[in-house]
Amino acid sequence: MTLHIFNPSHDEALAAHTAHYCPSRPARQLAHALAELPLQWAAEGDVCLRLPASGGTEGVEVPDWTAVERIEPWGWDRHIVGLLRRLGAPERLLPSDERLCALRRMSSRKTGVRWAEGLHVDDLPGVVKPRAVFCTSTAAAVEAALAMDGRAMVKQPWSCSGRGVWPFADDAACRRRIDKAVRLQGGVEVQARCEGLLDAAMEFTVDADGRVHFEGLSLFTTAPGGAYGGNLTAHPDRLRRTWLDCAAKAGCPLSETVLETLIERTASRLEACYGAGQADETMRYVGPLGVDVLGAREGWLPYVEINLRRTMGHVALAVGARFSPDRPPRLLRVADDGLHLDEWSEA
């Protein structure tokens, strides 16, 4: 059987890069409340590990390790490995520290920028080339942002959902934040800011042979600060139609042909950077991943960030797979009291 773990603190843990890191209180509460979230995609006979809201190991129901064939967390990091060791997990089920360091390097925005640089979209109508630079000094970051007319987002290497991400300002406060990120995490990504109209993603899986498989599209809502709100869920065919309809209504239309080509090129580029294209197998990623994209007034931006972990887009696809094709889309969101499916309207 597979032991599933929902550890939403994964991105924070990558930044901390220590087994002794303590997740934020909201992350601990969410992990405890939604411990059974993986049942949405788990196989029959799989089990979930419920982590206490305290962040410790007290009261945890330890599985029979002899019956566990593999462990699938939301994402692997030193913190979750340390916690599993304290619970007695055998080393055969855990990645080595060398592997954890490789996963962390792959998950950095530095690698994401390199991926975006090689994505060819110049011939795709309605798609704009992403402008992003990874900078290892404050001076370089400021120079890059000013070259974008100051309309830029600054992003720490390991961050998501609005945390560790802020709009550039040509002032001392912004420089101090960049200084701190450079000192503690080695650099920042500076990305040209577009006028966003629609938050979306493309969801993939990389298999053990390094081949990338497209799983489906994702539409999600965010708060003004970038915090995650919820994901649209529907039958895959219905979701694809809704995705294209929403893009057209928002003012960033995309044709079926261009969308399909963009998906294919995204998958090919992912395979080159994270999969079979890497001769060194230790630098290959295996598992689910998501590429956040943005429908903007300027056109579709095919790279906002890459999440080398399971995403809420994958969850929405798993839930939507059980919908009938004629069932209207719902808004899937998570809260401390569980998973919710709310009514949704395109208006």
Protein backbone atom coordinates (compact mmCIF):
# COMPACT_ATOMS: atom_id res chain seq x y z
CA MET A 1 0.00 0.00 0.00
CA THR A 2 0.93 3.65 -0.34
CA LEU A 3 1.04 6.01 2.63
CA HIS A 4 -0.15 9.47 1.60
CA ILE A 5 0.72 12.67 3.45
CA PHE A 6 -0.77 16.11 2.92
CA ASN A 7 2.01 18.51 3.96
CA PRO A 8 0.99 21.97 2.64
CA SER A 9 4.02 23.49 4.39
CA HIS A 10 6.25 21.95 1.70
CA ASP A 11 7.21 25.23 -0.01
CA GLU A 12 8.07 26.84 3.34
CA ALA A 13 10.09 23.75 4.25
CA LEU A 14 12.10 23.94 1.03
CA ALA A 15 13.16 27.46 1.93
CA ALA A 16 14.07 26.45 5.51
CA HIS A 17 15.90 23.29 4.30
CA THR A 18 16.16 21.71 7.74
CA ALA A 19 14.48 18.83 9.55
CA HIS A 20 14.08 21.09 12.58
CA TYR A 21 11.89 23.67 10.85
CA CYS A 22 8.45 24.28 12.40
CA PRO A 23 5.65 24.92 9.86
CA SER A 24 3.50 28.01 10.25
CA ARG A 25 0.36 27.60 12.33
CA PRO A 26 -2.04 27.88 9.34
CA ALA A 27 -0.07 25.18 7.49
CA ARG A 28 -0.15 22.86 10.52
CA GLN A 29 -3.88 23.35 10.98
CA LEU A 30 -4.57 22.71 7.31
CA ALA A 31 -2.42 19.57 7.28
CA HIS A 32 -4.35 18.19 10.25
CA ALA A 33 -7.82 19.15 8.99
CA LEU A 34 -7.25 17.85 5.46
CA ALA A 35 -5.20 14.76 6.26
CA GLU A 36 -7.57 12.64 4.16
CA LEU A 37 -7.43 14.92 1.10
CA PRO A 38 -5.25 12.33 -0.73
CA LEU A 39 -8.18 9.91 -0.72
CA GLN A 40 -9.39 11.92 -3.72
CA TRP A 41 -6.68 10.26 -5.84
CA ALA A 42 -5.44 7.35 -3.70
CA ALA A 43 -5.85 3.73 -4.76
CA GLU A 44 -8.02 1.28 -2.85
CA GLY A 45 -6.19 0.08 0.25
CA ASP A 46 -3.98 3.17 0.56
CA VAL A 47 -3.89 5.06 3.85
CA CYS A 48 -3.30 8.66 4.95
CA LEU A 49 -1.10 9.90 7.78
CA ARG A 50 -2.83 12.49 9.97
CA LEU A 51 -0.38 15.02 11.35
CA PRO A 52 -1.29 16.82 14.60
CA ALA A 53 -1.96 20.55 14.48
CA SER A 54 0.90 20.99 16.96
CA GLY A 55 3.40 19.99 14.30
CA GLY A 56 4.88 17.26 16.50
CA THR A 57 4.43 13.50 16.47
CA GLU A 58 2.38 13.01 19.61
CA GLY A 59 -0.81 11.02 19.08
CA VAL A 60 0.04 10.11 15.48
CA GLU A 61 -1.35 6.74 14.42
CA VAL A 62 1.78 5.04 13.12
CA PRO A 63 1.17 2.66 10.21
CA ASP A 64 2.50 -0.88 9.94
CA TRP A 65 5.70 -0.02 8.11
CA THR A 66 6.11 -3.58 6.84
CA ALA A 67 2.89 -3.13 4.84
CA VAL A 68 3.89 0.24 3.35
CA GLU A 69 5.39 -0.08 -0.14
CA ARG A 70 5.88 3.64 -0.81
CA ILE A 71 5.25 7.06 0.71
CA GLU A 72 3.71 9.88 -1.31
CA PRO A 73 3.72 13.27 0.42
CA TRP A 74 2.40 16.48 -1.15
CA GLY A 75 6.11 17.21 -1.63
CA TRP A 76 9.42 15.82 -0.33
CA ASP A 77 11.62 17.99 1.89
CA ARG A 78 13.92 17.62 4.88
CA HIS A 79 11.16 18.46 7.34
CA ILE A 80 8.77 15.69 6.28
CA VAL A 81 11.63 13.17 6.09
CA GLY A 82 12.72 14.11 9.62
CA LEU A 83 9.17 13.71 10.90
CA LEU A 84 8.83 10.28 9.24
CA ARG A 85 12.12 9.15 10.77
CA ARG A 86 10.83 10.11 14.21
CA LEU A 87 7.80 7.93 13.50
CA GLY A 88 10.03 4.97 12.69
CA ALA A 89 9.78 4.96 8.89
CA PRO A 90 12.43 2.64 7.39
CA GLU A 91 15.11 4.20 5.21
CA ARG A 92 13.98 2.10 2.22
CA LEU A 93 10.90 4.36 2.00
CA LEU A 94 12.75 7.68 2.31
CA PRO A 95 14.78 9.71 -0.20
CA SER A 96 18.44 10.28 0.62
CA ASP A 97 19.62 13.72 1.66
CA GLU A 98 21.43 13.96 -1.68
CA ARG A 99 18.11 13.40 -3.42
CA LEU A 100 16.38 15.99 -1.22
CA CYS A 101 19.03 18.57 -2.12
CA ALA A 102 18.55 17.79 -5.82
CA LEU A 103 14.77 18.18 -5.50
CA ARG A 104 15.28 21.51 -3.77
CA ARG A 105 17.57 22.75 -6.55
CA MET A 106 15.05 21.64 -9.18
CA SER A 107 12.24 23.39 -7.28
CA SER A 108 14.07 26.73 -7.20
CA ARG A 109 12.84 29.58 -9.35
CA LYS A 110 16.38 29.68 -10.73
CA THR A 111 15.61 26.43 -12.56
CA GLY A 112 12.17 27.74 -13.51
CA VAL A 113 13.73 30.78 -15.19
CA ARG A 114 16.07 28.52 -17.17
CA TRP A 115 13.05 26.46 -18.25
CA ALA A 116 11.17 29.58 -19.40
CA GLU A 117 14.15 30.87 -21.38
CA GLY A 118 14.03 27.80 -23.62
CA LEU A 119 10.26 27.79 -24.21
CA HIS A 120 9.56 28.76 -27.84
CA VAL A 121 6.27 30.68 -28.18
CA ASP A 122 7.09 33.51 -30.61
CA ASP A 123 4.97 31.96 -33.36
CA LEU A 124 1.89 31.35 -31.18
CA PRO A 125 -0.82 34.04 -31.59
CA GLY A 126 -2.06 35.31 -28.24
CA VAL A 127 0.95 33.99 -26.28
CA VAL A 128 3.70 36.29 -24.99
CA LYS A 129 7.30 35.37 -24.26
CA PRO A 130 7.94 35.37 -20.49
CA ARG A 131 10.51 37.89 -19.25
CA ALA A 132 12.21 36.61 -16.12
CA VAL A 133 15.73 36.86 -14.71
CA PHE A 134 17.30 35.16 -11.69
CA CYS A 135 19.56 37.60 -9.85
CA THR A 136 22.15 36.82 -7.18
CA SER A 137 22.71 40.40 -6.02
CA THR A 138 20.49 43.30 -5.06
CA ALA A 139 22.09 45.54 -7.67
CA ALA A 140 21.37 43.02 -10.43
CA ALA A 141 17.77 42.61 -9.28
CA VAL A 142 17.16 46.37 -9.25
CA GLU A 143 18.78 46.72 -12.68
CA ALA A 144 16.59 43.91 -14.08
CA ALA A 145 13.42 45.43 -12.63
CA LEU A 146 14.21 48.90 -13.97
CA ALA A 147 14.85 47.37 -17.41
CA MET A 148 11.22 46.22 -17.17
CA ASP A 149 10.21 49.86 -16.51
CA GLY A 150 9.83 49.00 -12.84
CA ARG A 151 6.74 46.86 -13.60
CA ALA A 152 8.11 43.68 -12.09
CA MET A 153 7.46 41.08 -9.43
CA VAL A 154 10.24 39.99 -7.09
CA LYS A 155 10.09 36.35 -6.02
CA GLN A 156 12.11 34.40 -3.48
CA PRO A 157 13.51 31.12 -4.86
CA TRP A 158 11.13 28.94 -2.84
CA SER A 159 7.75 30.58 -2.42
CA CYS A 160 4.15 30.24 -3.56
CA SER A 161 0.56 31.48 -3.18
CA GLY A 162 1.62 35.07 -2.70
CA ARG A 163 4.10 34.34 0.11
CA GLY A 164 7.63 35.51 -0.63
CA VAL A 165 6.42 37.40 -3.70
CA TRP A 166 6.02 41.18 -3.94
CA PRO A 167 5.84 43.98 -6.54
CA PHE A 168 9.09 45.82 -7.15
CA ALA A 169 9.40 49.36 -5.84
CA ASP A 170 12.44 51.56 -6.39
CA ASP A 171 12.88 52.32 -2.70
CA ALA A 172 14.93 51.32 0.34
CA ALA A 173 12.27 48.98 1.76
CA CYS A 174 12.20 46.85 -1.37
CA ARG A 175 15.99 46.77 -1.53
CA ARG A 176 16.11 45.53 2.08
CA ARG A 177 13.72 42.67 1.23
CA ILE A 178 15.83 41.74 -1.78
CA ASP A 179 19.02 41.96 0.32
CA LYS A 180 17.54 39.54 2.86
CA ALA A 181 16.40 37.06 0.20
CA VAL A 182 19.80 37.14 -1.49
CA ARG A 183 21.56 36.63 1.84
CA LEU A 184 19.33 33.80 3.08
CA GLN A 185 18.29 32.06 -0.14
CA GLY A 186 20.97 32.99 -2.66
CA GLY A 187 18.98 35.23 -4.98
CA VAL A 188 15.60 36.33 -6.32
CA GLU A 189 13.66 36.01 -9.52
CA VAL A 190 12.61 39.26 -11.19
CA GLN A 191 9.67 38.75 -13.52
CA ALA A 192 7.96 41.30 -15.75
CA ARG A 193 4.50 42.07 -14.43
CA CYS A 194 1.49 41.73 -16.73
CA GLU A 195 -2.06 42.95 -16.21
CA GLY A 196 -3.61 39.69 -15.09
CA LEU A 197 -7.12 38.70 -16.16
CA LEU A 198 -7.28 34.95 -15.50
CA ASP A 199 -5.28 32.63 -13.21
CA ALA A 200 -4.70 29.21 -14.71
CA ALA A 201 -2.31 26.27 -14.85
CA MET A 202 -1.32 23.19 -16.79
CA GLU A 203 -0.95 19.99 -14.78
CA PHE A 204 1.52 17.23 -15.64
CA THR A 205 3.13 14.06 -14.28
CA VAL A 206 6.68 12.85 -14.88
CA ASP A 207 7.06 9.06 -14.85
CA ALA A 208 10.03 6.99 -13.69
CA ASP A 209 11.47 6.97 -17.22
CA GLY A 210 11.48 10.77 -17.35
CA ARG A 211 8.52 11.04 -19.73
CA VAL A 212 6.08 13.91 -19.18
CA HIS A 213 2.32 13.30 -19.38
CA PHE A 214 -0.28 16.06 -19.59
CA GLU A 215 -3.01 15.55 -16.97
CA GLY A 216 -5.31 18.50 -17.60
CA LEU A 217 -5.98 22.22 -17.37
CA SER A 218 -6.63 24.22 -14.24
CA LEU A 219 -8.48 27.45 -13.46
CA PHE A 220 -8.20 28.96 -10.01
CA THR A 221 -9.03 32.09 -8.05
CA THR A 222 -6.67 34.24 -6.02
CA ALA A 223 -6.97 37.12 -3.58
CA PRO A 224 -5.48 40.54 -4.50
CA GLY A 225 -2.27 39.62 -2.66
CA GLY A 226 -1.91 36.38 -4.60
CA ALA A 227 -3.18 33.99 -1.90
CA TYR A 228 -4.93 30.91 -3.27
CA GLY A 229 -8.73 30.94 -3.25
CA GLY A 230 -10.10 27.84 -4.98
CA ASN A 231 -10.01 25.69 -8.11
CA LEU A 232 -12.64 25.10 -10.73
CA THR A 233 -13.53 21.42 -11.01
CA ALA A 234 -15.53 19.70 -13.73
CA HIS A 235 -15.43 16.75 -16.12
CA PRO A 236 -12.18 17.10 -18.15
CA ASP A 237 -14.01 17.88 -21.41
CA ARG A 238 -16.27 20.42 -19.71
CA LEU A 239 -13.31 22.00 -17.92
CA ARG A 240 -11.39 22.45 -21.18
CA ARG A 241 -14.38 24.18 -22.82
CA THR A 242 -14.88 26.35 -19.75
CA TRP A 243 -11.17 27.24 -19.74
CA LEU A 244 -11.34 28.51 -23.33
CA ASP A 245 -14.69 30.26 -22.78
CA CYS A 246 -13.39 32.07 -19.69
CA ALA A 247 -10.27 33.14 -21.57
CA ALA A 248 -12.37 34.65 -24.37
CA LYS A 249 -14.73 36.43 -21.97
CA ALA A 250 -11.84 37.78 -19.89
CA GLY A 251 -10.25 39.37 -22.95
CA CYS A 252 -7.38 36.93 -23.51
CA PRO A 253 -8.75 34.49 -26.11
CA LEU A 254 -6.78 31.47 -27.22
CA SER A 255 -7.62 29.08 -30.04
CA GLU A 256 -7.86 25.31 -29.54
CA THR A 257 -4.94 24.82 -31.91
CA VAL A 258 -2.68 27.30 -30.12
CA LEU A 259 -3.62 25.85 -26.73
CA GLU A 260 -2.79 22.31 -27.86
CA THR A 261 0.54 23.44 -29.32
CA LEU A 262 1.39 25.31 -26.11
CA ILE A 263 0.61 22.21 -24.03
CA GLU A 264 2.85 20.07 -26.26
CA ARG A 265 5.75 22.54 -26.14
CA THR A 266 5.38 22.97 -22.39
CA ALA A 267 5.53 19.19 -21.90
CA SER A 268 8.54 18.89 -24.21
CA ARG A 269 10.41 21.64 -22.39
CA LEU A 270 9.57 20.07 -19.00
CA GLU A 271 10.95 16.76 -20.21
CA ALA A 272 14.16 18.47 -21.33
CA CYS A 273 14.71 20.29 -18.02
CA TYR A 274 13.26 17.90 -15.44
CA GLY A 275 12.89 14.52 -17.14
CA ALA A 276 14.49 12.28 -19.73
CA GLY A 277 16.48 15.20 -21.15
CA GLN A 278 18.66 15.15 -18.04
CA ALA A 279 21.46 12.60 -18.52
CA ASP A 280 22.11 12.65 -14.76
CA GLU A 281 19.16 10.68 -13.37
CA THR A 282 19.67 12.22 -9.92
CA MET A 283 18.59 15.54 -11.47
CA ARG A 284 15.31 14.16 -12.79
CA TYR A 285 12.01 14.81 -11.10
CA VAL A 286 9.41 12.04 -10.75
CA GLY A 287 5.80 12.78 -9.82
CA PRO A 288 3.09 15.42 -10.32
CA LEU A 289 3.90 19.04 -11.15
CA GLY A 290 2.06 22.15 -12.24
CA VAL A 291 2.97 25.12 -14.43
CA ASP A 292 1.08 28.27 -13.44
CA VAL A 293 0.17 30.47 -16.42
CA LEU A 294 -1.61 33.81 -16.65
CA GLY A 295 -4.21 35.18 -19.00
CA ALA A 296 -3.25 38.84 -19.27
CA ARG A 297 -4.22 41.92 -21.23
CA GLU A 298 -0.94 41.52 -23.11
CA GLY A 299 -1.73 37.88 -23.98
CA TRP A 300 -1.15 34.50 -22.34
CA LEU A 301 1.97 34.33 -20.18
CA PRO A 302 3.05 30.64 -20.31
CA TYR A 303 5.20 30.83 -17.17
CA VAL A 304 4.42 32.32 -13.79
CA GLU A 305 5.94 29.56 -11.69
CA ILE A 306 6.55 25.81 -11.73
CA ASN A 307 5.49 23.73 -8.72
CA LEU A 308 7.39 20.43 -8.50
CA ARG A 309 4.79 18.80 -6.27
CA ARG A 310 1.14 17.90 -6.34
CA THR A 311 -1.07 20.96 -6.71
CA MET A 312 -4.68 21.85 -6.03
CA GLY A 313 -5.08 21.69 -9.81
CA HIS A 314 -4.33 17.96 -9.61
CA VAL A 315 -6.87 17.62 -6.81
CA ALA A 316 -9.51 19.42 -8.87
CA LEU A 317 -8.80 17.10 -11.81
CA ALA A 318 -9.19 14.03 -9.58
CA VAL A 319 -12.52 15.33 -8.24
CA GLY A 320 -13.73 16.40 -11.69
CA ALA A 321 -12.98 12.98 -13.18
CA ARG A 322 -16.01 11.71 -11.23
CA PHE A 323 -18.31 14.42 -12.67
CA SER A 324 -20.61 13.69 -15.59
CA PRO A 325 -19.87 15.73 -18.76
CA ASP A 326 -23.09 17.73 -18.36
CA ARG A 327 -22.60 18.63 -14.69
CA PRO A 328 -21.83 22.35 -14.23
CA PRO A 329 -18.37 23.28 -12.91
CA ARG A 330 -18.00 23.82 -9.17
CA LEU A 331 -15.49 25.83 -7.18
CA LEU A 332 -13.37 23.51 -5.06
CA ARG A 333 -11.76 25.15 -2.05
CA VAL A 334 -10.08 24.00 1.12
CA ALA A 335 -10.69 25.24 4.65
CA ASP A 336 -9.93 24.14 8.20
CA ASP A 337 -13.22 22.23 8.26
CA GLY A 338 -12.53 20.27 5.08
CA LEU A 339 -13.08 20.30 1.33
CA HIS A 340 -15.91 22.38 -0.14
CA LEU A 341 -17.63 22.32 -3.54
CA ASP A 342 -19.35 25.68 -4.01
CA GLU A 343 -21.60 26.88 -6.79
CA TRP A 344 -19.79 28.77 -9.52
CA SER A 345 -20.94 31.16 -12.20
CA GLU A 346 -18.99 32.48 -15.21
CA ALA A 347 -20.59 35.89 -14.79
